[in-house]
Protein backbone atom coordinates (compact mmCIF):
# COMPACT_ATOMS: atom_id res chain seq x y z
CA UNK A 1 -0.06 0.11 -0.18
CA UNK A 2 1.38 3.50 -1.10
CA UNK A 3 0.74 5.31 2.40
CA UNK A 4 1.02 9.00 0.89
CA UNK A 5 -2.13 7.38 -1.05
CA UNK A 6 -3.69 6.85 2.45
CA UNK A 7 -2.85 10.18 4.06
CA UNK A 8 -4.09 11.74 1.20
CA UNK A 9 -7.62 9.82 2.05
CA UNK A 10 -7.53 10.64 5.92
CA UNK A 11 -6.90 14.22 5.38
CA UNK A 12 -9.56 14.72 2.87
CA UNK A 13 -11.87 12.97 5.00
CA UNK A 14 -11.32 14.43 7.98
CA UNK A 15 -11.45 18.10 5.73
CA UNK A 16 -14.35 17.29 4.51
CA UNK A 17 -14.02 17.40 0.80
CA UNK A 18 -10.45 17.17 -1.45
CA UNK A 19 -11.01 20.69 -2.17
CA UNK A 20 -10.37 21.95 2.03
CA UNK A 21 -8.14 19.01 1.89
CA UNK A 22 -6.05 20.60 -1.22
CA UNK A 23 -5.90 23.84 0.45
CA UNK A 24 -4.44 21.85 3.49
CA UNK A 25 -1.71 20.44 2.06
CA UNK A 26 -0.86 23.41 -0.80
CA UNK A 27 -1.99 20.92 -3.98
CA UNK A 28 -5.15 20.95 -6.42
CA UNK A 29 -7.87 18.90 -5.58
CA UNK A 30 -7.38 17.17 -9.40
CA UNK A 31 -3.87 15.47 -7.37
CA UNK A 32 -5.83 14.84 -4.73
CA UNK A 33 -8.62 12.86 -6.83
CA UNK A 34 -6.33 10.98 -8.45
CA UNK A 35 -3.66 9.96 -5.88
CA UNK A 36 -7.02 8.56 -3.86
CA UNK A 37 -8.54 6.57 -6.40
CA UNK A 38 -5.15 4.68 -6.93
CA UNK A 39 -5.73 4.24 -3.24
CA UNK A 40 -9.55 2.62 -4.45
CA UNK A 41 -8.58 0.72 -6.96
CA UNK A 42 -5.62 -0.66 -4.79
CA UNK A 43 -8.10 -1.86 -2.05
CA UNK A 44 -11.00 -2.78 -4.90
CA UNK A 45 -13.29 -0.57 -2.75
CA UNK A 46 -15.18 3.16 -3.70
CA UNK A 47 -14.46 5.38 -0.10
CA UNK A 48 -16.51 8.26 -1.55
CA UNK A 49 -19.18 8.42 -3.24
CA UNK A 50 -20.80 11.66 -4.65
CA UNK A 51 -23.78 13.83 -2.54
CA UNK A 52 -25.16 16.37 -4.63
CA UNK A 53 -21.95 18.47 -5.01
CA UNK A 54 -20.46 16.85 -2.11
CA UNK A 55 -18.53 13.89 -1.20
CA UNK A 56 -19.18 11.50 1.59
CA UNK A 57 -17.26 8.34 2.62
CA UNK A 58 -19.75 4.96 1.57
CA UNK A 59 -19.36 1.93 4.28
CA UNK A 60 -15.85 0.97 3.23
CA UNK A 61 -14.41 4.31 3.70
CA UNK A 62 -15.85 4.62 7.21
CA UNK A 63 -13.54 1.59 7.68
CA UNK A 64 -10.53 2.69 6.01
CA UNK A 65 -11.00 5.85 8.37
CA UNK A 66 -11.05 4.45 11.51
CA UNK A 67 -7.87 2.04 10.51
CA UNK A 68 -6.13 5.61 9.02
CA UNK A 69 -6.81 7.21 12.64
CA UNK A 70 -5.11 4.56 13.97
CA UNK A 71 -1.90 4.59 11.84
CA UNK A 72 -1.51 8.43 11.86
CA UNK A 73 -2.48 8.51 15.64
CA UNK A 74 0.65 6.02 15.76
CA UNK A 75 2.58 7.72 13.50
CA UNK A 76 2.67 10.71 15.87
CA UNK A 77 3.45 8.77 18.69
CA UNK A 78 6.45 7.80 17.27
CA UNK A 79 7.90 11.12 16.26
CA UNK A 80 6.88 12.16 19.56
CA UNK A 81 8.84 9.01 21.43
CA UNK A 82 11.98 9.91 18.86
CA UNK A 83 11.90 13.78 19.78
CA UNK A 84 11.97 12.87 23.61
CA UNK A 85 15.21 10.46 22.47
CA UNK A 86 17.05 13.11 21.03
CA UNK A 87 15.87 15.80 23.59
CA UNK A 88 16.87 13.25 26.18
CA UNK A 89 13.47 13.41 28.45
CA UNK A 90 12.45 10.95 29.96
CA UNK A 91 10.21 8.70 28.06
CA UNK A 92 6.60 7.89 28.94
CA UNK A 93 6.02 3.75 28.77
CA UNK A 94 2.83 3.00 27.46
CA UNK A 95 0.63 0.16 29.03
CA UNK A 96 -1.90 -1.03 27.40
CA UNK A 97 -4.50 -3.50 29.05
CA UNK A 98 -7.92 -5.06 28.14
CA UNK A 99 -10.48 -5.90 30.86
CA UNK A 100 -12.81 -8.54 30.64
CA UNK A 101 -16.48 -6.97 31.63
CA UNK A 102 -16.93 -9.67 34.02
CA UNK A 103 -13.87 -8.27 36.39
CA UNK A 104 -15.60 -6.23 39.62
CA UNK A 105 -14.11 -2.67 38.91
CA UNK A 106 -12.91 -3.36 42.30
CA UNK A 107 -10.62 -5.97 41.69
CA UNK A 108 -9.86 -4.16 38.58
CA UNK A 109 -8.43 -1.20 40.25
CA UNK A 110 -6.37 -3.38 43.10
CA UNK A 111 -4.84 -5.39 40.24
CA UNK A 112 -3.83 -2.40 37.94
CA UNK A 113 -3.01 -0.03 40.44
CA UNK A 114 0.92 -1.02 41.30
CA UNK A 115 1.58 -0.81 37.32
CA UNK A 116 1.40 3.05 37.86
CA UNK A 117 4.52 2.85 40.62
CA UNK A 118 7.31 1.52 38.88
CA UNK A 119 10.85 3.41 38.28
CA UNK A 120 9.04 4.65 34.80
CA UNK A 121 6.76 6.80 33.93
CA UNK A 122 3.16 5.14 32.80
CA UNK A 123 0.74 5.64 30.76
CA UNK A 124 -2.48 3.41 31.97
CA UNK A 125 -4.76 2.75 28.92
CA UNK A 126 -7.64 0.49 29.57
CA UNK A 127 -9.95 -0.83 26.95
CA UNK A 128 -13.37 -2.53 28.33
CA UNK A 129 -14.52 -5.71 25.99
CA UNK A 130 -15.66 -9.53 26.00
CA UNK A 131 -13.17 -12.39 26.30
CA UNK A 132 -13.26 -13.57 22.89
CA UNK A 133 -12.39 -9.78 21.85
CA UNK A 134 -9.73 -8.48 24.02
CA UNK A 135 -7.92 -11.91 23.34
CA UNK A 136 -8.51 -11.00 19.11
CA UNK A 137 -6.71 -7.56 20.41
CA UNK A 138 -3.73 -9.41 22.46
CA UNK A 139 -3.28 -11.48 19.15
CA UNK A 140 -2.37 -8.41 16.94
CA UNK A 141 -0.63 -6.35 19.51
CA UNK A 142 -2.66 -4.24 20.28
CA UNK A 143 -3.13 -5.05 23.71
CA UNK A 144 -0.18 -5.73 26.21
CA UNK A 145 -2.09 -7.77 28.78
CA UNK A 146 -5.55 -8.90 29.60
CA UNK A 147 -7.16 -9.04 32.54
CA UNK A 148 -10.02 -11.79 33.09
CA UNK A 149 -11.52 -14.22 35.31
CA UNK A 150 -11.01 -17.35 33.13
CA UNK A 151 -7.87 -18.83 31.66
CA UNK A 152 -7.04 -18.63 27.78
CA UNK A 153 -7.97 -22.71 26.71
CA UNK A 154 -6.97 -24.10 23.43
CA UNK A 155 -10.08 -23.60 21.69
CA UNK A 156 -8.16 -20.07 20.98
CA UNK A 157 -5.77 -20.53 18.53
CA UNK A 158 -3.61 -17.48 20.06
CA UNK A 159 -0.19 -17.94 21.02
CA UNK A 160 -0.18 -16.39 24.29
CA UNK A 161 0.11 -17.76 28.32
CA UNK A 162 -2.27 -17.57 31.30
CA UNK A 163 -0.27 -16.16 34.65
CA UNK A 164 -2.70 -16.66 37.34
CA UNK A 165 -2.76 -14.07 39.87
CA UNK A 166 -5.04 -15.33 42.15
CA UNK A 167 -8.66 -16.54 43.47
CA UNK A 168 -11.16 -14.94 45.90
CA UNK A 169 -13.97 -16.93 47.46
CA UNK A 170 -17.56 -15.59 47.33
CA UNK A 171 -19.53 -13.27 49.38
CA UNK A 172 -23.38 -12.55 49.19
CA UNK A 173 -24.76 -9.20 49.57
CA UNK A 174 -27.74 -7.42 49.71
CA UNK A 175 -29.58 -4.48 50.95
CA UNK A 176 -29.81 -4.30 54.63
CA UNK A 177 -33.79 -3.96 54.17
CA UNK A 178 -33.87 -6.99 51.89
CA UNK A 179 -31.35 -8.86 54.51
CA UNK A 180 -33.71 -8.34 57.41
CA UNK A 181 -36.70 -9.36 55.19
CA UNK A 182 -35.09 -12.94 54.48
CA UNK A 183 -35.89 -15.38 56.97
CA UNK A 184 -33.61 -18.63 57.95
CA UNK A 185 -29.91 -18.92 58.01
CA UNK A 186 -26.95 -18.75 55.13
CA UNK A 187 -27.44 -20.15 52.89
CA UNK A 188 -31.21 -21.28 53.03
CA UNK A 189 -32.25 -17.56 53.39
CA UNK A 190 -31.94 -17.54 49.74
CA UNK A 191 -34.77 -19.93 49.06
CA UNK A 192 -37.18 -17.85 46.92
CA UNK A 193 -35.21 -14.90 47.38
CA UNK A 194 -34.42 -11.89 44.89
CA UNK A 195 -31.64 -12.57 43.20
CA UNK A 196 -28.98 -10.41 40.66
CA UNK A 197 -26.79 -13.25 38.54
CA UNK A 198 -24.01 -13.10 36.57
CA UNK A 199 -24.87 -12.98 32.79
CA UNK A 200 -24.85 -16.18 30.88
CA UNK A 201 -21.55 -15.62 29.13
CA UNK A 202 -19.86 -15.55 32.37
CA UNK A 203 -17.48 -18.00 33.89
CA UNK A 204 -18.72 -17.93 37.48
CA UNK A 205 -22.49 -18.36 35.94
CA UNK A 206 -22.01 -22.16 36.42
CA UNK A 207 -20.98 -22.15 39.36
CA UNK A 208 -23.66 -20.30 40.82
CA UNK A 209 -25.80 -22.10 39.22
CA UNK A 210 -24.16 -25.78 40.51
CA UNK A 211 -24.30 -24.71 44.18
CA UNK A 212 -28.09 -23.46 44.00
CA UNK A 213 -28.72 -26.76 42.98
CA UNK A 214 -26.43 -29.05 45.18
CA UNK A 215 -27.96 -26.42 48.22
CA UNK A 216 -31.88 -27.43 46.86
CA UNK A 217 -32.39 -23.42 46.88
CA UNK A 218 -34.22 -21.69 44.21
CA UNK A 219 -34.21 -18.03 44.63
CA UNK A 220 -35.89 -15.72 41.96
CA UNK A 221 -34.03 -14.89 39.30
CA UNK A 222 -35.22 -10.71 38.66
CA UNK A 223 -32.29 -9.55 36.56
CA UNK A 224 -28.77 -11.10 34.82
CA UNK A 225 -26.19 -8.78 34.34
CA UNK A 226 -22.77 -8.81 32.08
CA UNK A 227 -21.39 -5.43 33.96
CA UNK A 228 -20.77 -6.49 37.97
CA UNK A 229 -20.70 -2.63 38.21
CA UNK A 230 -24.78 -2.69 37.30
CA UNK A 231 -25.02 -5.31 38.88
CA UNK A 232 -24.34 -4.12 42.31
CA UNK A 233 -26.16 -0.90 41.48
CA UNK A 234 -29.51 -2.82 41.05
CA UNK A 235 -28.19 -4.38 44.44
CA UNK A 236 -27.91 -0.97 45.99
CA UNK A 237 -31.58 -0.22 45.65
CA UNK A 238 -33.03 -3.45 47.13
CA UNK A 239 -33.60 -5.08 43.59
CA UNK A 240 -31.98 -8.63 44.29
CA UNK A 241 -28.94 -10.63 46.23
CA UNK A 242 -25.73 -10.89 44.59
CA UNK A 243 -22.56 -12.23 45.17
CA UNK A 244 -19.20 -10.48 44.75
CA UNK A 245 -15.73 -11.50 45.35
CA UNK A 246 -14.53 -11.55 49.45
CA UNK A 247 -11.62 -10.14 48.55
CA UNK A 248 -13.01 -6.60 47.80
CA UNK A 249 -15.76 -7.16 50.61
CA UNK A 250 -15.27 -4.13 52.53
CA UNK A 251 -15.23 -1.73 49.54
CA UNK A 252 -18.35 -3.33 48.24
CA UNK A 253 -19.80 -2.69 51.35
CA UNK A 254 -18.26 0.47 51.45
CA UNK A 255 -19.34 1.61 48.06
CA UNK A 256 -22.39 0.30 47.74
CA UNK A 257 -24.34 0.60 51.60
CA UNK A 258 -24.99 -3.15 51.65
CA UNK A 259 -24.23 -5.67 53.95
CA UNK A 260 -22.96 -9.53 53.90
CA UNK A 261 -25.44 -11.86 53.94
CA UNK A 262 -22.76 -14.97 53.46
CA UNK A 263 -20.14 -16.24 52.41
CA UNK A 264 -19.26 -19.26 50.23
CA UNK A 265 -16.04 -21.42 49.92
CA UNK A 266 -17.45 -23.48 47.83
CA UNK A 267 -17.66 -20.54 45.07
CA UNK A 268 -14.24 -19.44 44.11
CA UNK A 269 -13.68 -16.34 41.41
CA UNK A 270 -9.92 -16.86 39.74
CA UNK A 271 -8.01 -14.42 38.00
CA UNK A 272 -5.68 -14.26 35.52
CA UNK A 273 -3.16 -12.03 33.54
CA UNK A 274 -2.70 -13.32 29.74
CA UNK A 275 0.49 -11.86 27.84
CA UNK A 276 2.01 -13.12 24.89
CA UNK A 277 5.21 -13.04 27.04
CA UNK A 278 5.91 -17.18 29.08
CA UNK A 279 8.06 -15.51 30.90
CA UNK A 280 7.17 -11.74 32.57
CA UNK A 281 9.41 -9.04 31.71
CA UNK A 282 7.07 -5.94 31.15
CA UNK A 283 7.63 -3.87 34.46
CA UNK A 284 3.98 -3.06 34.73
CA UNK A 285 3.36 -6.95 34.83
CA UNK A 286 5.68 -7.79 36.86
CA UNK A 287 4.42 -5.05 39.28
CA UNK A 288 1.13 -6.38 38.96
CA UNK A 289 1.64 -9.87 39.56
CA UNK A 290 3.69 -9.49 42.55
CA UNK A 291 1.46 -7.11 44.12
CA UNK A 292 -1.65 -9.71 43.40
CA UNK A 293 0.15 -12.69 44.21
CA UNK A 294 1.81 -11.48 47.04
CA UNK A 295 -0.74 -8.82 48.82
CA UNK A 296 -4.20 -8.62 46.99
CA UNK A 297 -4.68 -13.03 46.73
CA UNK A 298 -1.74 -13.91 49.10
């Protein structure tokens, strides 16, 4: 691909047409149109379409623009990094982390916070998403690390490695008024109680369902959530009891104003750092794994 052609397309798309782009680049609209046409031929797709006297991006053009944004943003970062190196200024270490939706935010903070304490100047970039999507970004080296509550398995054809950070038993929480209304000891008091469940794709969901079945409990499921923070927000308002890792029990009580209904050693949530490194060398990942194993879950 000729990146000069891509650059002309990018400027024209951002400027809103070849006339304005020509003014910015000090070239003629005819030259720009010719260069963009060569790019379209190379890609085999039309990037612009006419709308009256104006040009609009096609669906393919919008896709191309997203990639161009990333490419030229990286180019700008490269120039800034080289400029900092020439001036002798301290370079900032960019650390991109993919955070699975199912990981509780309080756990995520406790895991990631040590990365900001390394000797280097660090800029932490957190990207949230589904497990599959984040692993795809890891394979493309768009993130340095994925933090999840499930390990990478052979079903993913990705060369990456699991680093277990630790595990936590689970606590059942509820709003104070709801907890007072439930009868009996834990966990029997959950029978018939309104309950907020992790989403169907959560690694905890099968554990919770099996645990309820073992204890012959049939709570009334009033909601299912992929987003743990949203589930806790509903729990705070008394809509149902919910589960969360015991390791952040104090934070959950303080943040959401709920109380502990009971704890179960049978329910265990595991947390993993997944990286392309078999032997961890990235300073931020080293800090995360050491703190998790030694302090948070130790």
